[in-house]
Amino acid sequence: MSPRWPRVPAKRLVALLKRLGYEEVRQRGSHLKLRKIVKGRRHTIVIAVHSGRDLPPGYVGDVLKDVARRHEIPVEDLINQL
Protein backbone atom coordinates (compact mmCIF):
# COMPACT_ATOMS: atom_id res chain seq x y z
CA MET A 1 0.00 0.00 0.00
CA SER A 2 1.39 3.40 -0.94
CA PRO A 3 1.62 6.15 1.68
CA ARG A 4 -0.77 9.05 1.77
CA TRP A 5 1.08 11.97 0.23
CA PRO A 6 1.04 15.21 2.21
CA ARG A 7 -0.04 18.53 0.81
CA VAL A 8 2.81 20.91 1.64
CA PRO A 9 4.03 24.35 0.56
CA ALA A 10 6.90 24.36 -1.94
CA LYS A 11 9.11 26.06 0.69
CA ARG A 12 8.95 23.00 2.96
CA LEU A 13 9.76 20.59 0.13
CA VAL A 14 12.68 22.76 -1.04
CA ALA A 15 13.94 22.99 2.57
CA LEU A 16 13.89 19.18 2.84
CA LEU A 17 15.81 18.82 -0.42
CA LYS A 18 18.40 21.37 0.76
CA ARG A 19 18.85 19.43 4.02
CA LEU A 20 19.57 16.37 1.86
CA GLY A 21 22.32 18.31 0.07
CA TYR A 22 20.55 19.62 -3.04
CA GLU A 23 21.62 23.06 -4.22
CA GLU A 24 19.69 25.66 -6.18
CA VAL A 25 20.93 25.79 -9.76
CA ARG A 26 18.58 28.42 -11.14
CA GLN A 27 15.04 29.72 -11.10
CA ARG A 28 13.08 30.56 -14.18
CA GLY A 29 9.71 32.09 -13.46
CA SER A 30 8.05 29.97 -10.80
CA HIS A 31 10.19 26.88 -11.40
CA LEU A 32 13.19 26.24 -9.17
CA LYS A 33 15.83 23.78 -10.33
CA LEU A 34 17.82 21.90 -7.66
CA ARG A 35 20.73 19.54 -8.26
CA LYS A 36 22.93 17.10 -6.36
CA ILE A 37 25.50 14.49 -7.31
CA VAL A 38 24.19 11.12 -6.08
CA LYS A 39 26.44 8.08 -6.50
CA GLY A 40 28.50 9.81 -9.16
CA ARG A 41 25.48 10.88 -11.22
CA ARG A 42 23.80 14.26 -11.43
CA HIS A 43 20.23 14.31 -10.08
CA THR A 44 18.09 17.31 -10.99
CA ILE A 45 14.65 18.14 -9.60
CA VAL A 46 12.38 20.98 -10.70
CA ILE A 47 9.89 22.35 -8.16
CA ALA A 48 7.04 24.71 -9.02
CA VAL A 49 7.21 27.38 -6.33
CA HIS A 50 3.93 29.23 -6.85
CA SER A 51 3.56 31.65 -3.96
CA GLY A 52 0.92 30.97 -1.37
CA ARG A 53 -0.17 27.59 -2.73
CA ASP A 54 0.44 24.08 -1.47
CA LEU A 55 1.83 21.57 -3.93
CA PRO A 56 -0.59 18.84 -5.05
CA PRO A 57 -0.12 15.55 -3.17
CA GLY A 58 0.67 13.59 -6.34
CA TYR A 59 3.42 16.05 -7.26
CA VAL A 60 4.93 15.79 -3.77
CA GLY A 61 4.71 12.00 -3.98
CA ASP A 62 6.52 11.90 -7.33
CA VAL A 63 9.37 14.04 -5.99
CA LEU A 64 9.67 12.06 -2.75
CA LYS A 65 9.62 8.70 -4.55
CA ASP A 66 12.32 9.87 -6.93
CA VAL A 67 14.54 11.18 -4.13
CA ALA A 68 14.00 8.05 -2.01
CA ARG A 69 14.92 5.80 -4.93
CA ARG A 70 18.07 7.77 -5.74
CA HIS A 71 19.23 7.86 -2.11
CA GLU A 72 18.01 4.33 -1.30
CA ILE A 73 16.04 5.44 1.75
CA PRO A 74 12.41 4.71 2.67
CA VAL A 75 9.82 7.22 1.45
CA GLU A 76 8.27 7.22 4.93
CA ASP A 77 11.49 8.73 6.31
CA LEU A 78 11.21 11.63 3.88
CA ILE A 79 7.53 12.16 4.71
CA ASN A 80 8.41 12.30 8.42
CA GLN A 81 11.12 14.91 7.72
CA LEU A 82 8.61 17.23 6.04
PDB file of N, CA and C in Angstrom:
ATOM      1  N   MET A   1       0.841  -1.181   0.000  1.00  0.00           N
ATOM      2  CA  MET A   1       0.000   0.000   0.000  1.00  0.00           C
ATOM      3  C   MET A   1       0.886   1.245   0.000  1.00  0.00           C
ATOM      4  N   SER A   2       0.579   2.184  -0.861  1.00  0.00           N
ATOM      5  CA  SER A   2       1.389   3.397  -0.939  1.00  0.00           C
ATOM      6  C   SER A   2       0.978   4.371   0.163  1.00  0.00           C
ATOM      7  N   PRO A   3       1.937   5.188   0.617  1.00  0.00           N
ATOM      8  CA  PRO A   3       1.621   6.145   1.681  1.00  0.00           C
ATOM      9  C   PRO A   3       0.709   7.254   1.183  1.00  0.00           C
ATOM     10  N   ARG A   4       0.057   7.896   2.113  1.00  0.00           N
ATOM     11  CA  ARG A   4      -0.775   9.051   1.773  1.00  0.00           C
ATOM     12  C   ARG A   4       0.171  10.244   1.654  1.00  0.00           C
ATOM     13  N   TRP A   5       0.154  10.862   0.487  1.00  0.00           N
ATOM     14  CA  TRP A   5       1.076  11.968   0.234  1.00  0.00           C
ATOM     15  C   TRP A   5       0.562  13.242   0.878  1.00  0.00           C
ATOM     16  N   PRO A   6       1.451  13.965   1.556  1.00  0.00           N
ATOM     17  CA  PRO A   6       1.037  15.210   2.212  1.00  0.00           C
ATOM     18  C   PRO A   6       0.887  16.349   1.208  1.00  0.00           C
ATOM     19  N   ARG A   7       0.113  17.301   1.588  1.00  0.00           N
ATOM     20  CA  ARG A   7      -0.040  18.530   0.809  1.00  0.00           C
ATOM     21  C   ARG A   7       0.787  19.580   1.544  1.00  0.00           C
ATOM     22  N   VAL A   8       1.893  20.008   0.944  1.00  0.00           N
ATOM     23  CA  VAL A   8       2.810  20.911   1.635  1.00  0.00           C
ATOM     24  C   VAL A   8       3.162  22.094   0.745  1.00  0.00           C
ATOM     25  N   PRO A   9       3.556  23.213   1.351  1.00  0.00           N
ATOM     26  CA  PRO A   9       4.034  24.352   0.559  1.00  0.00           C
ATOM     27  C   PRO A   9       5.374  23.998  -0.087  1.00  0.00           C
ATOM     28  N   ALA A  10       5.655  24.609  -1.211  1.00  0.00           N
ATOM     29  CA  ALA A  10       6.897  24.358  -1.938  1.00  0.00           C
ATOM     30  C   ALA A  10       8.105  24.660  -1.057  1.00  0.00           C
ATOM     31  N   LYS A  11       7.996  25.678  -0.196  1.00  0.00           N
ATOM     32  CA  LYS A  11       9.110  26.062   0.689  1.00  0.00           C
ATOM     33  C   LYS A  11       9.566  24.891   1.560  1.00  0.00           C
ATOM     34  N   ARG A  12       8.605  24.135   2.097  1.00  0.00           N
ATOM     35  CA  ARG A  12       8.954  23.000   2.961  1.00  0.00           C
ATOM     36  C   ARG A  12       9.625  21.892   2.176  1.00  0.00           C
ATOM     37  N   LEU A  13       9.153  21.628   0.959  1.00  0.00           N
ATOM     38  CA  LEU A  13       9.760  20.590   0.130  1.00  0.00           C
ATOM     39  C   LEU A  13      11.171  21.001  -0.284  1.00  0.00           C
ATOM     40  N   VAL A  14      11.347  22.258  -0.656  1.00  0.00           N
ATOM     41  CA  VAL A  14      12.676  22.760  -1.039  1.00  0.00           C
ATOM     42  C   VAL A  14      13.612  22.699   0.173  1.00  0.00           C
ATOM     43  N   ALA A  15      13.117  23.043   1.361  1.00  0.00           N
ATOM     44  CA  ALA A  15      13.945  22.992   2.570  1.00  0.00           C
ATOM     45  C   ALA A  15      14.406  21.559   2.850  1.00  0.00           C
ATOM     46  N   LEU A  16      13.526  20.584   2.654  1.00  0.00           N
ATOM     47  CA  LEU A  16      13.893  19.183   2.839  1.00  0.00           C
ATOM     48  C   LEU A  16      14.989  18.789   1.854  1.00  0.00           C
ATOM     49  N   LEU A  17      14.826  19.164   0.600  1.00  0.00           N
ATOM     50  CA  LEU A  17      15.815  18.824  -0.418  1.00  0.00           C
ATOM     51  C   LEU A  17      17.170  19.464  -0.102  1.00  0.00           C
ATOM     52  N   LYS A  18      17.149  20.699   0.398  1.00  0.00           N
ATOM     53  CA  LYS A  18      18.401  21.367   0.758  1.00  0.00           C
ATOM     54  C   LYS A  18      19.075  20.673   1.935  1.00  0.00           C
ATOM     55  N   ARG A  19      18.275  20.180   2.900  1.00  0.00           N
ATOM     56  CA  ARG A  19      18.848  19.431   4.018  1.00  0.00           C
ATOM     57  C   ARG A  19      19.503  18.140   3.530  1.00  0.00           C
ATOM     58  N   LEU A  20      19.003  17.592   2.435  1.00  0.00           N
ATOM     59  CA  LEU A  20      19.573  16.371   1.858  1.00  0.00           C
ATOM     60  C   LEU A  20      20.788  16.669   0.978  1.00  0.00           C
ATOM     61  N   GLY A  21      21.116  17.948   0.812  1.00  0.00           N
ATOM     62  CA  GLY A  21      22.317  18.308   0.073  1.00  0.00           C
ATOM     63  C   GLY A  21      22.079  18.852  -1.327  1.00  0.00           C
ATOM     64  N   TYR A  22      20.837  19.042  -1.731  1.00  0.00           N
ATOM     65  CA  TYR A  22      20.555  19.619  -3.044  1.00  0.00           C
ATOM     66  C   TYR A  22      20.844  21.118  -3.006  1.00  0.00           C
ATOM     67  N   GLU A  23      21.318  21.634  -4.117  1.00  0.00           N
ATOM     68  CA  GLU A  23      21.620  23.061  -4.220  1.00  0.00           C
ATOM     69  C   GLU A  23      20.805  23.681  -5.344  1.00  0.00           C
ATOM     70  N   GLU A  24      20.423  24.948  -5.132  1.00  0.00           N
ATOM     71  CA  GLU A  24      19.695  25.662  -6.182  1.00  0.00           C
ATOM     72  C   GLU A  24      20.628  25.905  -7.357  1.00  0.00           C
ATOM     73  N   VAL A  25      20.156  25.555  -8.558  1.00  0.00           N
ATOM     74  CA  VAL A  25      20.932  25.785  -9.760  1.00  0.00           C
ATOM     75  C   VAL A  25      20.456  27.063 -10.424  1.00  0.00           C
ATOM     76  N   ARG A  26      19.141  27.192 -10.568  1.00  0.00           N
ATOM     77  CA  ARG A  26      18.581  28.415 -11.141  1.00  0.00           C
ATOM     78  C   ARG A  26      17.071  28.421 -10.921  1.00  0.00           C
ATOM     79  N   GLN A  27      16.490  29.587 -11.143  1.00  0.00           N
ATOM     80  CA  GLN A  27      15.040  29.723 -11.096  1.00  0.00           C
ATOM     81  C   GLN A  27      14.612  30.461 -12.339  1.00  0.00           C
ATOM     82  N   ARG A  28      13.627  29.923 -12.991  1.00  0.00           N
ATOM     83  CA  ARG A  28      13.075  30.558 -14.183  1.00  0.00           C
ATOM     84  C   ARG A  28      11.570  30.673 -13.973  1.00  0.00           C
ATOM     85  N   GLY A  29      11.123  31.893 -13.774  1.00  0.00           N
ATOM     86  CA  GLY A  29       9.713  32.091 -13.461  1.00  0.00           C
ATOM     87  C   GLY A  29       9.416  31.471 -12.103  1.00  0.00           C
ATOM     88  N   SER A  30       8.425  30.599 -12.067  1.00  0.00           N
ATOM     89  CA  SER A  30       8.047  29.974 -10.800  1.00  0.00           C
ATOM     90  C   SER A  30       8.637  28.574 -10.642  1.00  0.00           C
ATOM     91  N   HIS A  31       9.592  28.212 -11.477  1.00  0.00           N
ATOM     92  CA  HIS A  31      10.188  26.881 -11.402  1.00  0.00           C
ATOM     93  C   HIS A  31      11.627  26.970 -10.902  1.00  0.00           C
ATOM     94  N   LEU A  32      11.881  26.255  -9.805  1.00  0.00           N
ATOM     95  CA  LEU A  32      13.186  26.237  -9.168  1.00  0.00           C
ATOM     96  C   LEU A  32      13.867  24.907  -9.482  1.00  0.00           C
ATOM     97  N   LYS A  33      15.080  24.977  -9.982  1.00  0.00           N
ATOM     98  CA  LYS A  33      15.833  23.776 -10.325  1.00  0.00           C
ATOM     99  C   LYS A  33      16.882  23.531  -9.249  1.00  0.00           C
ATOM    100  N   LEU A  34      16.859  22.300  -8.682  1.00  0.00           N
ATOM    101  CA  LEU A  34      17.818  21.899  -7.660  1.00  0.00           C
ATOM    102  C   LEU A  34      18.618  20.715  -8.188  1.00  0.00           C
ATOM    103  N   ARG A  35      19.876  20.612  -7.731  1.00  0.00           N
ATOM    104  CA  ARG A  35      20.733  19.543  -8.259  1.00  0.00           C
ATOM    105  C   ARG A  35      21.663  19.027  -7.167  1.00  0.00           C
ATOM    106  N   LYS A  36      21.985  17.734  -7.267  1.00  0.00           N
ATOM    107  CA  LYS A  36      22.928  17.096  -6.358  1.00  0.00           C
ATOM    108  C   LYS A  36      23.583  15.934  -7.099  1.00  0.00           C
ATOM    109  N   ILE A  37      24.830  15.666  -6.769  1.00  0.00           N
ATOM    110  CA  ILE A  37      25.503  14.491  -7.307  1.00  0.00           C
ATOM    111  C   ILE A  37      25.207  13.335  -6.354  1.00  0.00           C
ATOM    112  N   VAL A  38      24.545  12.292  -6.871  1.00  0.00           N
ATOM    113  CA  VAL A  38      24.194  11.121  -6.075  1.00  0.00           C
ATOM    114  C   VAL A  38      24.838   9.912  -6.727  1.00  0.00           C
ATOM    115  N   LYS A  39      25.742   9.272  -5.998  1.00  0.00           N
ATOM    116  CA  LYS A  39      26.445   8.079  -6.499  1.00  0.00           C
ATOM    117  C   LYS A  39      27.113   8.330  -7.840  1.00  0.00           C
ATOM    118  N   GLY A  40      27.761   9.480  -7.947  1.00  0.00           N
ATOM    119  CA  GLY A  40      28.498   9.811  -9.156  1.00  0.00           C
ATOM    120  C   GLY A  40      27.660  10.291 -10.324  1.00  0.00           C
ATOM    121  N   ARG A  41      26.361  10.415 -10.141  1.00  0.00           N
ATOM    122  CA  ARG A  41      25.480  10.878 -11.219  1.00  0.00           C
ATOM    123  C   ARG A  41      24.732  12.124 -10.771  1.00  0.00           C
ATOM    124  N   ARG A  42      24.505  13.008 -11.709  1.00  0.00           N
ATOM    125  CA  ARG A  42      23.796  14.259 -11.426  1.00  0.00           C
ATOM    126  C   ARG A  42      22.297  13.994 -11.343  1.00  0.00           C
ATOM    127  N   HIS A  43      21.674  14.447 -10.258  1.00  0.00           N
ATOM    128  CA  HIS A  43      20.226  14.312 -10.079  1.00  0.00           C
ATOM    129  C   HIS A  43      19.617  15.706  -9.993  1.00  0.00           C
ATOM    130  N   THR A  44      18.725  16.000 -10.915  1.00  0.00           N
ATOM    131  CA  THR A  44      18.093  17.315 -10.986  1.00  0.00           C
ATOM    132  C   THR A  44      16.601  17.186 -10.715  1.00  0.00           C
ATOM    133  N   ILE A  45      16.083  18.098  -9.916  1.00  0.00           N
ATOM    134  CA  ILE A  45      14.652  18.144  -9.598  1.00  0.00           C
ATOM    135  C   ILE A  45      14.166  19.562  -9.862  1.00  0.00           C
ATOM    136  N   VAL A  46      12.999  19.681 -10.462  1.00  0.00           N
ATOM    137  CA  VAL A  46      12.383  20.982 -10.700  1.00  0.00           C
ATOM    138  C   VAL A  46      11.126  21.074  -9.841  1.00  0.00           C
ATOM    139  N   ILE A  47      11.033  22.133  -9.044  1.00  0.00           N
ATOM    140  CA  ILE A  47       9.890  22.349  -8.156  1.00  0.00           C
ATOM    141  C   ILE A  47       9.174  23.622  -8.581  1.00  0.00           C
ATOM    142  N   ALA A  48       7.860  23.533  -8.723  1.00  0.00           N
ATOM    143  CA  ALA A  48       7.042  24.708  -9.023  1.00  0.00           C
ATOM    144  C   ALA A  48       6.776  25.449  -7.712  1.00  0.00           C
ATOM    145  N   VAL A  49       7.311  26.635  -7.593  1.00  0.00           N
ATOM    146  CA  VAL A  49       7.206  27.384  -6.334  1.00  0.00           C
ATOM    147  C   VAL A  49       6.209  28.540  -6.466  1.00  0.00           C
ATOM    148  N   HIS A  50       4.974  28.217  -6.750  1.00  0.00           N
ATOM    149  CA  HIS A  50       3.930  29.234  -6.850  1.00  0.00           C
ATOM    150  C   HIS A  50       3.655  29.765  -5.445  1.00  0.00           C
ATOM    151  N   SER A  51       3.697  31.055  -5.289  1.00  0.00           N
ATOM    152  CA  SER A  51       3.560  31.645  -3.960  1.00  0.00           C
ATOM    153  C   SER A  51       2.169  31.428  -3.379  1.00  0.00           C
ATOM    154  N   GLY A  52       2.169  31.084  -2.099  1.00  0.00           N
ATOM    155  CA  GLY A  52       0.922  30.972  -1.365  1.00  0.00           C
ATOM    156  C   GLY A  52       0.104  29.723  -1.633  1.00  0.00           C
ATOM    157  N   ARG A  53       0.605  28.804  -2.433  1.00  0.00           N
ATOM    158  CA  ARG A  53      -0.166  27.592  -2.726  1.00  0.00           C
ATOM    159  C   ARG A  53       0.597  26.347  -2.286  1.00  0.00           C
ATOM    160  N   ASP A  54      -0.152  25.374  -1.779  1.00  0.00           N
ATOM    161  CA  ASP A  54       0.444  24.080  -1.466  1.00  0.00           C
ATOM    162  C   ASP A  54       0.604  23.294  -2.758  1.00  0.00           C
ATOM    163  N   LEU A  55       1.623  22.428  -2.773  1.00  0.00           N
ATOM    164  CA  LEU A  55       1.833  21.568  -3.925  1.00  0.00           C
ATOM    165  C   LEU A  55       0.832  20.422  -3.889  1.00  0.00           C
ATOM    166  N   PRO A  56       0.342  19.968  -5.033  1.00  0.00           N
ATOM    167  CA  PRO A  56      -0.594  18.841  -5.055  1.00  0.00           C
ATOM    168  C   PRO A  56       0.072  17.585  -4.492  1.00  0.00           C
ATOM    169  N   PRO A  57      -0.687  16.755  -3.786  1.00  0.00           N
ATOM    170  CA  PRO A  57      -0.118  15.552  -3.168  1.00  0.00           C
ATOM    171  C   PRO A  57       0.581  14.627  -4.173  1.00  0.00           C
ATOM    172  N   GLY A  58       0.040  14.457  -5.346  1.00  0.00           N
ATOM    173  CA  GLY A  58       0.667  13.589  -6.342  1.00  0.00           C
ATOM    174  C   GLY A  58       2.025  14.096  -6.771  1.00  0.00           C
ATOM    175  N   TYR A  59       2.155  15.405  -6.884  1.00  0.00           N
ATOM    176  CA  TYR A  59       3.417  16.049  -7.256  1.00  0.00           C
ATOM    177  C   TYR A  59       4.459  15.819  -6.161  1.00  0.00           C
ATOM    178  N   VAL A  60       4.046  16.016  -4.918  1.00  0.00           N
ATOM    179  CA  VAL A  60       4.927  15.790  -3.773  1.00  0.00           C
ATOM    180  C   VAL A  60       5.356  14.328  -3.741  1.00  0.00           C
ATOM    181  N   GLY A  61       4.411  13.437  -3.973  1.00  0.00           N
ATOM    182  CA  GLY A  61       4.710  12.005  -3.982  1.00  0.00           C
ATOM    183  C   GLY A  61       5.720  11.633  -5.043  1.00  0.00           C
ATOM    184  N   ASP A  62       5.575  12.188  -6.244  1.00  0.00           N
ATOM    185  CA  ASP A  62       6.515  11.898  -7.332  1.00  0.00           C
ATOM    186  C   ASP A  62       7.933  12.342  -6.963  1.00  0.00           C
ATOM    187  N   VAL A  63       8.048  13.523  -6.384  1.00  0.00           N
ATOM    188  CA  VAL A  63       9.366  14.037  -5.993  1.00  0.00           C
ATOM    189  C   VAL A  63       9.957  13.165  -4.889  1.00  0.00           C
ATOM    190  N   LEU A  64       9.161  12.850  -3.865  1.00  0.00           N
ATOM    191  CA  LEU A  64       9.668  12.059  -2.745  1.00  0.00           C
ATOM    192  C   LEU A  64      10.059  10.647  -3.179  1.00  0.00           C
ATOM    193  N   LYS A  65       9.276  10.038  -4.062  1.00  0.00           N
ATOM    194  CA  LYS A  65       9.615   8.697  -4.554  1.00  0.00           C
ATOM    195  C   LYS A  65      10.928   8.721  -5.323  1.00  0.00           C
ATOM    196  N   ASP A  66      11.106   9.746  -6.144  1.00  0.00           N
ATOM    197  CA  ASP A  66      12.324   9.868  -6.933  1.00  0.00           C
ATOM    198  C   ASP A  66      13.542  10.045  -6.030  1.00  0.00           C
ATOM    199  N   VAL A  67      13.434  10.926  -5.053  1.00  0.00           N
ATOM    200  CA  VAL A  67      14.538  11.182  -4.128  1.00  0.00           C
ATOM    201  C   VAL A  67      14.837   9.930  -3.306  1.00  0.00           C
ATOM    202  N   ALA A  68      13.804   9.264  -2.814  1.00  0.00           N
ATOM    203  CA  ALA A  68      13.997   8.054  -2.012  1.00  0.00           C
ATOM    204  C   ALA A  68      14.692   6.963  -2.823  1.00  0.00           C
ATOM    205  N   ARG A  69      14.308   6.814  -4.070  1.00  0.00           N
ATOM    206  CA  ARG A  69      14.917   5.802  -4.931  1.00  0.00           C
ATOM    207  C   ARG A  69      16.386   6.119  -5.168  1.00  0.00           C
ATOM    208  N   ARG A  70      16.692   7.367  -5.464  1.00  0.00           N
ATOM    209  CA  ARG A  70      18.075   7.765  -5.739  1.00  0.00           C
ATOM    210  C   ARG A  70      18.978   7.606  -4.516  1.00  0.00           C
ATOM    211  N   HIS A  71      18.433   7.911  -3.334  1.00  0.00           N
ATOM    212  CA  HIS A  71      19.228   7.857  -2.106  1.00  0.00           C
ATOM    213  C   HIS A  71      19.108   6.511  -1.387  1.00  0.00           C
ATOM    214  N   GLU A  72      18.260   5.644  -1.894  1.00  0.00           N
ATOM    215  CA  GLU A  72      18.007   4.333  -1.302  1.00  0.00           C
ATOM    216  C   GLU A  72      17.602   4.442   0.171  1.00  0.00           C
ATOM    217  N   ILE A  73      16.604   5.292   0.408  1.00  0.00           N
ATOM    218  CA  ILE A  73      16.037   5.440   1.749  1.00  0.00           C
ATOM    219  C   ILE A  73      14.524   5.288   1.634  1.00  0.00           C
ATOM    220  N   PRO A  74      13.862   4.873   2.724  1.00  0.00           N
ATOM    221  CA  PRO A  74      12.405   4.712   2.667  1.00  0.00           C
ATOM    222  C   PRO A  74      11.676   6.047   2.477  1.00  0.00           C
ATOM    223  N   VAL A  75      10.628   6.021   1.694  1.00  0.00           N
ATOM    224  CA  VAL A  75       9.819   7.221   1.449  1.00  0.00           C
ATOM    225  C   VAL A  75       9.229   7.736   2.755  1.00  0.00           C
ATOM    226  N   GLU A  76       8.874   6.826   3.653  1.00  0.00           N
ATOM    227  CA  GLU A  76       8.273   7.218   4.926  1.00  0.00           C
ATOM    228  C   GLU A  76       9.212   8.116   5.723  1.00  0.00           C
ATOM    229  N   ASP A  77      10.523   7.868   5.616  1.00  0.00           N
ATOM    230  CA  ASP A  77      11.492   8.727   6.310  1.00  0.00           C
ATOM    231  C   ASP A  77      11.434  10.158   5.785  1.00  0.00           C
ATOM    232  N   LEU A  78      11.294  10.289   4.464  1.00  0.00           N
ATOM    233  CA  LEU A  78      11.212  11.631   3.883  1.00  0.00           C
ATOM    234  C   LEU A  78       9.915  12.331   4.281  1.00  0.00           C
ATOM    235  N   ILE A  79       8.818  11.582   4.300  1.00  0.00           N
ATOM    236  CA  ILE A  79       7.529  12.161   4.710  1.00  0.00           C
ATOM    237  C   ILE A  79       7.631  12.675   6.140  1.00  0.00           C
ATOM    238  N   ASN A  80       8.277  11.885   7.023  1.00  0.00           N
ATOM    239  CA  ASN A  80       8.413  12.298   8.416  1.00  0.00           C
ATOM    240  C   ASN A  80       9.296  13.530   8.570  1.00  0.00           C
ATOM    241  N   GLN A  81      10.232  13.737   7.650  1.00  0.00           N
ATOM    242  CA  GLN A  81      11.120  14.907   7.718  1.00  0.00           C
ATOM    243  C   GLN A  81      10.443  16.182   7.228  1.00  0.00           C
ATOM    244  N   LEU A  82       9.329  16.036   6.504  1.00  0.00           N
ATOM    245  CA  LEU A  82       8.613  17.229   6.044  1.00  0.00           C
ATOM    246  C   LEU A  82       7.993  17.899   7.254  1.00  0.00           C
TER     247      LEU A  82
END
